[in-house]
Protein backbone atom coordinates (compact mmCIF):
# COMPACT_ATOMS: atom_id res chain seq x y z
CA MET A 1 5.94 9.32 -49.24
CA ALA A 2 5.40 11.70 -46.32
CA ARG A 3 4.39 10.30 -42.97
CA MET A 4 1.11 11.45 -41.58
CA PRO A 5 1.46 13.00 -38.15
CA THR A 6 0.12 10.71 -35.48
CA ALA A 7 -2.35 11.90 -32.92
CA ALA A 8 -1.22 12.14 -29.35
CA PRO A 9 -2.19 9.07 -27.35
CA PRO A 10 -5.02 9.41 -24.85
CA ALA A 11 -3.68 10.72 -21.56
CA ILE A 12 -3.68 8.46 -18.53
CA HIS A 13 -5.80 10.07 -15.83
CA GLY A 14 -5.41 7.59 -12.99
CA LEU A 15 -3.26 4.77 -11.67
CA VAL A 16 -4.16 2.17 -9.09
CA PRO A 17 -1.52 -0.34 -7.97
CA MET A 18 -2.61 -3.95 -7.54
CA ALA A 19 -0.79 -6.23 -5.10
CA HIS A 20 -0.97 -10.01 -5.12
CA VAL A 21 -1.46 -11.17 -1.55
CA ALA A 22 -1.76 -14.50 0.26
CA ASP A 23 -5.05 -13.61 1.98
CA VAL A 24 -7.14 -10.73 0.62
CA GLU A 25 -9.29 -10.37 3.76
CA ARG A 26 -6.19 -10.25 6.00
CA SER A 27 -4.77 -7.51 3.78
CA ILE A 28 -8.08 -5.60 3.84
CA ARG A 29 -7.90 -5.60 7.66
CA PHE A 30 -4.26 -4.46 7.62
CA TYR A 31 -4.81 -1.63 5.11
CA GLY A 32 -7.93 -0.67 7.09
CA LEU A 33 -5.52 0.39 9.85
CA LEU A 34 -4.24 2.99 7.36
CA GLY A 35 -7.75 4.22 6.62
CA LEU A 36 -8.30 2.37 3.33
CA GLU A 37 -11.78 0.88 3.11
CA PRO A 38 -13.04 -1.72 0.63
CA THR A 39 -15.29 -0.33 -2.10
CA ASP A 40 -15.59 -3.51 -4.19
CA ARG A 41 -15.01 -7.22 -3.62
CA LEU A 42 -15.11 -10.30 -5.83
CA ARG A 43 -15.63 -13.60 -4.09
CA ASP A 44 -15.15 -17.19 -5.18
CA GLY A 45 -17.41 -18.95 -2.72
CA PRO A 46 -16.39 -17.84 0.77
CA ARG A 47 -12.93 -16.63 -0.30
CA THR A 48 -12.35 -13.05 -1.42
CA ARG A 49 -10.35 -13.15 -4.67
CA TRP A 50 -10.05 -9.41 -5.35
CA ALA A 51 -10.84 -6.11 -3.64
CA ARG A 52 -10.51 -2.41 -4.34
CA LEU A 53 -9.70 -0.17 -1.37
CA ARG A 54 -9.95 3.60 -1.18
CA ALA A 55 -9.19 6.49 1.17
CA GLY A 56 -9.65 9.94 -0.35
CA ASP A 57 -7.55 10.06 -3.52
CA ALA A 58 -5.59 6.93 -2.55
CA ALA A 59 -6.58 3.57 -4.01
CA LEU A 60 -5.21 0.03 -3.97
CA MET A 61 -6.38 -3.22 -5.49
CA LEU A 62 -5.64 -6.55 -3.84
CA ALA A 63 -5.77 -9.88 -5.68
CA ALA A 64 -5.39 -13.38 -4.30
CA ALA A 65 -2.02 -14.75 -5.34
CA THR A 66 -2.00 -17.95 -7.38
CA ALA A 67 1.51 -18.84 -6.20
CA PRO A 68 3.24 -18.50 -2.84
CA VAL A 69 3.87 -14.91 -1.80
CA ILE A 70 7.56 -14.57 -0.93
CA PRO A 71 8.19 -11.38 1.08
CA GLU A 72 11.78 -10.99 -0.14
CA GLN A 73 10.53 -10.87 -3.73
CA GLN A 74 8.03 -8.01 -3.32
CA ALA A 75 9.86 -5.52 -5.51
CA VAL A 76 7.18 -2.82 -5.44
CA LEU A 77 7.38 0.05 -3.00
CA LEU A 78 4.20 2.01 -2.33
CA TYR A 79 4.63 5.66 -1.28
CA LEU A 80 1.75 7.12 0.70
CA TYR A 81 1.19 10.55 2.24
CA CYS A 82 -0.43 11.63 5.49
CA ARG A 83 -0.52 14.78 7.59
CA ASP A 84 0.96 13.31 10.82
CA VAL A 85 3.25 10.28 10.56
CA SER A 86 3.90 10.21 14.33
CA ALA A 87 0.17 9.94 15.04
CA LEU A 88 -0.21 7.27 12.33
CA ARG A 89 2.68 5.29 13.85
CA ASP A 90 1.12 5.53 17.33
CA HIS A 91 -2.24 4.42 15.88
CA LEU A 92 -0.65 1.35 14.25
CA LEU A 93 1.30 0.40 17.37
CA ALA A 94 -1.84 0.70 19.52
CA ARG A 95 -3.61 -1.72 17.18
CA GLY A 96 -0.98 -4.43 17.37
CA VAL A 97 1.38 -3.58 14.52
CA ALA A 98 4.85 -4.36 15.84
CA ASP A 99 7.68 -1.85 16.22
CA ALA A 100 10.19 -2.55 13.43
CA ARG A 101 13.33 -3.28 15.40
CA ALA A 102 14.17 -5.86 12.74
CA ASP A 103 12.96 -6.55 9.22
CA ALA A 104 9.73 -8.40 9.91
CA LEU A 105 6.28 -8.47 8.34
CA GLY A 106 3.50 -6.36 9.78
CA THR A 107 5.81 -3.79 11.37
CA VAL A 108 6.24 -0.01 11.47
CA SER A 109 9.54 1.87 11.82
CA ALA A 110 10.44 4.85 13.93
CA VAL A 111 9.93 8.26 12.30
CA THR A 112 12.91 9.35 10.22
CA ARG A 113 13.55 12.71 8.56
CA PRO A 114 15.32 12.11 5.25
CA PRO A 115 16.35 15.15 3.16
CA TYR A 116 13.51 14.57 0.67
CA MET A 117 10.87 14.36 3.46
CA PRO A 118 12.04 16.61 6.34
CA ALA A 119 8.61 16.62 8.02
CA GLY A 120 8.98 12.87 8.64
CA GLU A 121 8.60 9.44 7.11
CA ILE A 122 7.82 5.94 8.39
CA ARG A 123 8.38 2.55 6.79
CA ILE A 124 5.72 -0.14 7.12
CA ALA A 125 6.10 -3.78 6.10
CA ASP A 126 2.70 -5.24 5.28
CA PRO A 127 1.82 -8.91 5.98
CA ASP A 128 2.99 -9.98 2.50
CA GLY A 129 6.29 -8.10 2.52
CA TYR A 130 5.29 -5.03 0.53
CA CYS A 131 7.16 -1.92 1.64
CA LEU A 132 5.03 1.13 2.37
CA LEU A 133 6.78 4.44 2.89
CA VAL A 134 4.55 7.11 4.39
CA GLY A 135 5.66 10.73 4.14
CA GLN A 136 4.27 13.65 6.09
CA THR A 137 2.91 16.36 3.82
CA ASP A 138 2.79 19.24 6.31
């Protein structure tokens, strides 16, 4: 018996990462420093349980963790793009994000110029230990 050809699956047209965080509102404030603004929130009484953030084509969902958030176990790396990583770094430092002289939460590294991103790249550790790499597009 001949197999019937199968139809191609529907194409994915978008992807939004979702991070489990200890405090959704704290993370909203932190990601606000990067220009992401909340577009939706779900609350359970006074506590925000989930939020969607957006800046242009970039989007991120945050969900309240149901277990302790252990920074060393955050195995997801988020890669972001901006037009001026030096200016973004200065902006973060001016708003209290610490210079990353050591691996610590809520820090931003010096600008590096790896071969795959010669215009510049910074590394940010968010308050829950997620690693954000930000590459300069111009």
